Amino acid sequence: MATWNPADRDAAIARGSAGGKLSDHEKEKLVEATRQAGSVGTAARQALQKAK
């Protein structure tokens, strides 16, 4: 399994927020990020909603 760091998370959030396609791994990790309080959790939630 690939590693996941803040740069990967930010890239996935940006791509998802723009309506881009996310891999299964990215979706799984963003679902985990939605459980965080604050801006990261909110951004992850919004990216998942907009992603294809």
PDB file of N, CA and C in Angstrom:
ATOM      1  N   MET A   1       0.845  -1.172   0.000  1.00  0.00           N
ATOM      2  CA  MET A   1       0.000   0.000   0.000  1.00  0.00           C
ATOM      3  C   MET A   1       0.892   1.236   0.000  1.00  0.00           C
ATOM      4  N   ALA A   2       0.474   2.223  -0.736  1.00  0.00           N
ATOM      5  CA  ALA A   2       1.244   3.458  -0.857  1.00  0.00           C
ATOM      6  C   ALA A   2       1.221   4.228   0.465  1.00  0.00           C
ATOM      7  N   THR A   3       2.255   5.030   0.662  1.00  0.00           N
ATOM      8  CA  THR A   3       2.279   5.880   1.849  1.00  0.00           C
ATOM      9  C   THR A   3       1.360   7.071   1.617  1.00  0.00           C
ATOM     10  N   TRP A   4       0.968   7.721   2.671  1.00  0.00           N
ATOM     11  CA  TRP A   4       0.043   8.851   2.610  1.00  0.00           C
ATOM     12  C   TRP A   4       0.622   9.944   3.474  1.00  0.00           C
ATOM     13  N   ASN A   5       0.960  11.078   2.884  1.00  0.00           N
ATOM     14  CA  ASN A   5       1.518  12.188   3.631  1.00  0.00           C
ATOM     15  C   ASN A   5       0.682  13.444   3.371  1.00  0.00           C
ATOM     16  N   PRO A   6       0.949  14.522   4.080  1.00  0.00           N
ATOM     17  CA  PRO A   6       0.136  15.729   3.904  1.00  0.00           C
ATOM     18  C   PRO A   6       0.103  16.245   2.459  1.00  0.00           C
ATOM     19  N   ALA A   7       1.193  16.119   1.730  1.00  0.00           N
ATOM     20  CA  ALA A   7       1.199  16.574   0.332  1.00  0.00           C
ATOM     21  C   ALA A   7       0.248  15.722  -0.513  1.00  0.00           C
ATOM     22  N   ASP A   8       0.230  14.405  -0.264  1.00  0.00           N
ATOM     23  CA  ASP A   8      -0.697  13.517  -0.982  1.00  0.00           C
ATOM     24  C   ASP A   8      -2.139  13.874  -0.642  1.00  0.00           C
ATOM     25  N   ARG A   9      -2.377  14.117   0.634  1.00  0.00           N
ATOM     26  CA  ARG A   9      -3.729  14.476   1.081  1.00  0.00           C
ATOM     27  C   ARG A   9      -4.174  15.771   0.421  1.00  0.00           C
ATOM     28  N   ASP A  10      -3.314  16.774   0.418  1.00  0.00           N
ATOM     29  CA  ASP A  10      -3.663  18.058  -0.181  1.00  0.00           C
ATOM     30  C   ASP A  10      -3.919  17.927  -1.680  1.00  0.00           C
ATOM     31  N   ALA A  11      -3.132  17.101  -2.360  1.00  0.00           N
ATOM     32  CA  ALA A  11      -3.323  16.889  -3.793  1.00  0.00           C
ATOM     33  C   ALA A  11      -4.654  16.198  -4.067  1.00  0.00           C
ATOM     34  N   ALA A  12      -5.004  15.212  -3.250  1.00  0.00           N
ATOM     35  CA  ALA A  12      -6.273  14.503  -3.417  1.00  0.00           C
ATOM     36  C   ALA A  12      -7.447  15.434  -3.133  1.00  0.00           C
ATOM     37  N   ILE A  13      -7.322  16.267  -2.124  1.00  0.00           N
ATOM     38  CA  ILE A  13      -8.383  17.231  -1.810  1.00  0.00           C
ATOM     39  C   ILE A  13      -8.556  18.206  -2.966  1.00  0.00           C
ATOM     40  N   ALA A  14      -7.452  18.701  -3.509  1.00  0.00           N
ATOM     41  CA  ALA A  14      -7.534  19.647  -4.623  1.00  0.00           C
ATOM     42  C   ALA A  14      -8.173  19.001  -5.850  1.00  0.00           C
ATOM     43  N   ARG A  15      -7.767  17.788  -6.175  1.00  0.00           N
ATOM     44  CA  ARG A  15      -8.310  17.089  -7.346  1.00  0.00           C
ATOM     45  C   ARG A  15      -9.793  16.779  -7.147  1.00  0.00           C
ATOM     46  N   GLY A  16     -10.153  16.298  -5.963  1.00  0.00           N
ATOM     47  CA  GLY A  16     -11.548  16.001  -5.683  1.00  0.00           C
ATOM     48  C   GLY A  16     -12.415  17.246  -5.675  1.00  0.00           C
ATOM     49  N   SER A  17     -11.905  18.319  -5.116  1.00  0.00           N
ATOM     50  CA  SER A  17     -12.659  19.572  -5.060  1.00  0.00           C
ATOM     51  C   SER A  17     -12.908  20.141  -6.448  1.00  0.00           C
ATOM     52  N   ALA A  18     -12.010  19.841  -7.373  1.00  0.00           N
ATOM     53  CA  ALA A  18     -12.150  20.306  -8.755  1.00  0.00           C
ATOM     54  C   ALA A  18     -13.027  19.369  -9.582  1.00  0.00           C
ATOM     55  N   GLY A  19     -13.545  18.318  -8.953  1.00  0.00           N
ATOM     56  CA  GLY A  19     -14.401  17.373  -9.657  1.00  0.00           C
ATOM     57  C   GLY A  19     -13.643  16.270 -10.358  1.00  0.00           C
ATOM     58  N   GLY A  20     -12.373  16.114 -10.013  1.00  0.00           N
ATOM     59  CA  GLY A  20     -11.550  15.077 -10.640  1.00  0.00           C
ATOM     60  C   GLY A  20     -11.812  13.695 -10.064  1.00  0.00           C
ATOM     61  N   LYS A  21     -11.208  12.709 -10.685  1.00  0.00           N
ATOM     62  CA  LYS A  21     -11.373  11.315 -10.264  1.00  0.00           C
ATOM     63  C   LYS A  21     -10.342  10.986  -9.183  1.00  0.00           C
ATOM     64  N   LEU A  22     -10.802  10.296  -8.153  1.00  0.00           N
ATOM     65  CA  LEU A  22      -9.930   9.863  -7.066  1.00  0.00           C
ATOM     66  C   LEU A  22      -9.807   8.345  -7.108  1.00  0.00           C
ATOM     67  N   SER A  23      -8.612   7.858  -6.750  1.00  0.00           N
ATOM     68  CA  SER A  23      -8.420   6.410  -6.674  1.00  0.00           C
ATOM     69  C   SER A  23      -9.146   5.881  -5.439  1.00  0.00           C
ATOM     70  N   ASP A  24      -9.317   4.576  -5.383  1.00  0.00           N
ATOM     71  CA  ASP A  24      -9.953   3.961  -4.206  1.00  0.00           C
ATOM     72  C   ASP A  24      -9.163   4.270  -2.942  1.00  0.00           C
ATOM     73  N   HIS A  25      -7.839   4.231  -3.052  1.00  0.00           N
ATOM     74  CA  HIS A  25      -6.979   4.523  -1.899  1.00  0.00           C
ATOM     75  C   HIS A  25      -7.178   5.963  -1.434  1.00  0.00           C
ATOM     76  N   GLU A  26      -7.225   6.896  -2.379  1.00  0.00           N
ATOM     77  CA  GLU A  26      -7.430   8.297  -2.017  1.00  0.00           C
ATOM     78  C   GLU A  26      -8.783   8.493  -1.347  1.00  0.00           C
ATOM     79  N   LYS A  27      -9.818   7.863  -1.886  1.00  0.00           N
ATOM     80  CA  LYS A  27     -11.144   7.967  -1.279  1.00  0.00           C
ATOM     81  C   LYS A  27     -11.139   7.438   0.141  1.00  0.00           C
ATOM     82  N   GLU A  28     -10.504   6.286   0.343  1.00  0.00           N
ATOM     83  CA  GLU A  28     -10.439   5.684   1.679  1.00  0.00           C
ATOM     84  C   GLU A  28      -9.727   6.609   2.663  1.00  0.00           C
ATOM     85  N   LYS A  29      -8.611   7.179   2.232  1.00  0.00           N
ATOM     86  CA  LYS A  29      -7.853   8.049   3.124  1.00  0.00           C
ATOM     87  C   LYS A  29      -8.606   9.361   3.392  1.00  0.00           C
ATOM     88  N   LEU A  30      -9.335   9.868   2.399  1.00  0.00           N
ATOM     89  CA  LEU A  30     -10.106  11.081   2.630  1.00  0.00           C
ATOM     90  C   LEU A  30     -11.282  10.816   3.566  1.00  0.00           C
ATOM     91  N   VAL A  31     -11.868   9.633   3.487  1.00  0.00           N
ATOM     92  CA  VAL A  31     -12.926   9.279   4.436  1.00  0.00           C
ATOM     93  C   VAL A  31     -12.354   9.309   5.853  1.00  0.00           C
ATOM     94  N   GLU A  32     -11.155   8.788   6.028  1.00  0.00           N
ATOM     95  CA  GLU A  32     -10.510   8.843   7.346  1.00  0.00           C
ATOM     96  C   GLU A  32     -10.289  10.303   7.762  1.00  0.00           C
ATOM     97  N   ALA A  33      -9.897  11.154   6.813  1.00  0.00           N
ATOM     98  CA  ALA A  33      -9.628  12.563   7.121  1.00  0.00           C
ATOM     99  C   ALA A  33     -10.902  13.310   7.502  1.00  0.00           C
ATOM    100  N   THR A  34     -12.062  12.857   7.026  1.00  0.00           N
ATOM    101  CA  THR A  34     -13.308  13.548   7.375  1.00  0.00           C
ATOM    102  C   THR A  34     -13.605  13.453   8.863  1.00  0.00           C
ATOM    103  N   ARG A  35     -13.008  12.508   9.522  1.00  0.00           N
ATOM    104  CA  ARG A  35     -13.235  12.333  10.966  1.00  0.00           C
ATOM    105  C   ARG A  35     -12.433  13.331  11.800  1.00  0.00           C
ATOM    106  N   GLN A  36     -11.539  14.078  11.137  1.00  0.00           N
ATOM    107  CA  GLN A  36     -10.733  15.068  11.840  1.00  0.00           C
ATOM    108  C   GLN A  36     -11.524  16.362  11.996  1.00  0.00           C
ATOM    109  N   ALA A  37     -11.302  17.027  13.097  1.00  0.00           N
ATOM    110  CA  ALA A  37     -11.937  18.315  13.310  1.00  0.00           C
ATOM    111  C   ALA A  37     -11.190  19.379  12.514  1.00  0.00           C
ATOM    112  N   GLY A  38     -11.860  20.447  12.227  1.00  0.00           N
ATOM    113  CA  GLY A  38     -11.207  21.581  11.597  1.00  0.00           C
ATOM    114  C   GLY A  38     -11.224  21.552  10.081  1.00  0.00           C
ATOM    115  N   SER A  39     -10.332  22.347   9.518  1.00  0.00           N
ATOM    116  CA  SER A  39     -10.352  22.580   8.078  1.00  0.00           C
ATOM    117  C   SER A  39     -10.012  21.342   7.253  1.00  0.00           C
ATOM    118  N   VAL A  40      -9.168  20.460   7.761  1.00  0.00           N
ATOM    119  CA  VAL A  40      -8.810  19.252   7.002  1.00  0.00           C
ATOM    120  C   VAL A  40     -10.029  18.356   6.835  1.00  0.00           C
ATOM    121  N   GLY A  41     -10.754  18.145   7.892  1.00  0.00           N
ATOM    122  CA  GLY A  41     -11.947  17.310   7.824  1.00  0.00           C
ATOM    123  C   GLY A  41     -13.010  17.902   6.909  1.00  0.00           C
ATOM    124  N   THR A  42     -13.205  19.205   6.999  1.00  0.00           N
ATOM    125  CA  THR A  42     -14.177  19.885   6.147  1.00  0.00           C
ATOM    126  C   THR A  42     -13.761  19.814   4.687  1.00  0.00           C
ATOM    127  N   ALA A  43     -12.502  20.077   4.401  1.00  0.00           N
ATOM    128  CA  ALA A  43     -12.008  20.037   3.019  1.00  0.00           C
ATOM    129  C   ALA A  43     -12.118  18.632   2.444  1.00  0.00           C
ATOM    130  N   ALA A  44     -11.812  17.626   3.238  1.00  0.00           N
ATOM    131  CA  ALA A  44     -11.909  16.239   2.774  1.00  0.00           C
ATOM    132  C   ALA A  44     -13.351  15.875   2.465  1.00  0.00           C
ATOM    133  N   ARG A  45     -14.279  16.281   3.308  1.00  0.00           N
ATOM    134  CA  ARG A  45     -15.702  16.020   3.092  1.00  0.00           C
ATOM    135  C   ARG A  45     -16.185  16.662   1.789  1.00  0.00           C
ATOM    136  N   GLN A  46     -15.803  17.905   1.572  1.00  0.00           N
ATOM    137  CA  GLN A  46     -16.211  18.617   0.368  1.00  0.00           C
ATOM    138  C   GLN A  46     -15.591  17.993  -0.877  1.00  0.00           C
ATOM    139  N   ALA A  47     -14.348  17.566  -0.791  1.00  0.00           N
ATOM    140  CA  ALA A  47     -13.679  16.944  -1.934  1.00  0.00           C
ATOM    141  C   ALA A  47     -14.359  15.636  -2.307  1.00  0.00           C
ATOM    142  N   LEU A  48     -14.749  14.847  -1.322  1.00  0.00           N
ATOM    143  CA  LEU A  48     -15.436  13.587  -1.608  1.00  0.00           C
ATOM    144  C   LEU A  48     -16.794  13.835  -2.249  1.00  0.00           C
ATOM    145  N   GLN A  49     -17.473  14.875  -1.853  1.00  0.00           N
ATOM    146  CA  GLN A  49     -18.779  15.180  -2.428  1.00  0.00           C
ATOM    147  C   GLN A  49     -18.670  15.595  -3.888  1.00  0.00           C
ATOM    148  N   LYS A  50     -17.607  16.317  -4.239  1.00  0.00           N
ATOM    149  CA  LYS A  50     -17.457  16.847  -5.594  1.00  0.00           C
ATOM    150  C   LYS A  50     -16.722  15.899  -6.542  1.00  0.00           C
ATOM    151  N   ALA A  51     -15.995  14.938  -5.999  1.00  0.00           N
ATOM    152  CA  ALA A  51     -15.178  14.036  -6.822  1.00  0.00           C
ATOM    153  C   ALA A  51     -16.053  13.107  -7.658  1.00  0.00           C
ATOM    154  N   LYS A  52     -15.480  12.693  -8.769  1.00  0.00           N
ATOM    155  CA  LYS A  52     -16.169  11.725  -9.646  1.00  0.00           C
ATOM    156  C   LYS A  52     -15.875  10.326  -9.205  1.00  0.00           C
TER     157      LYS A  52
END
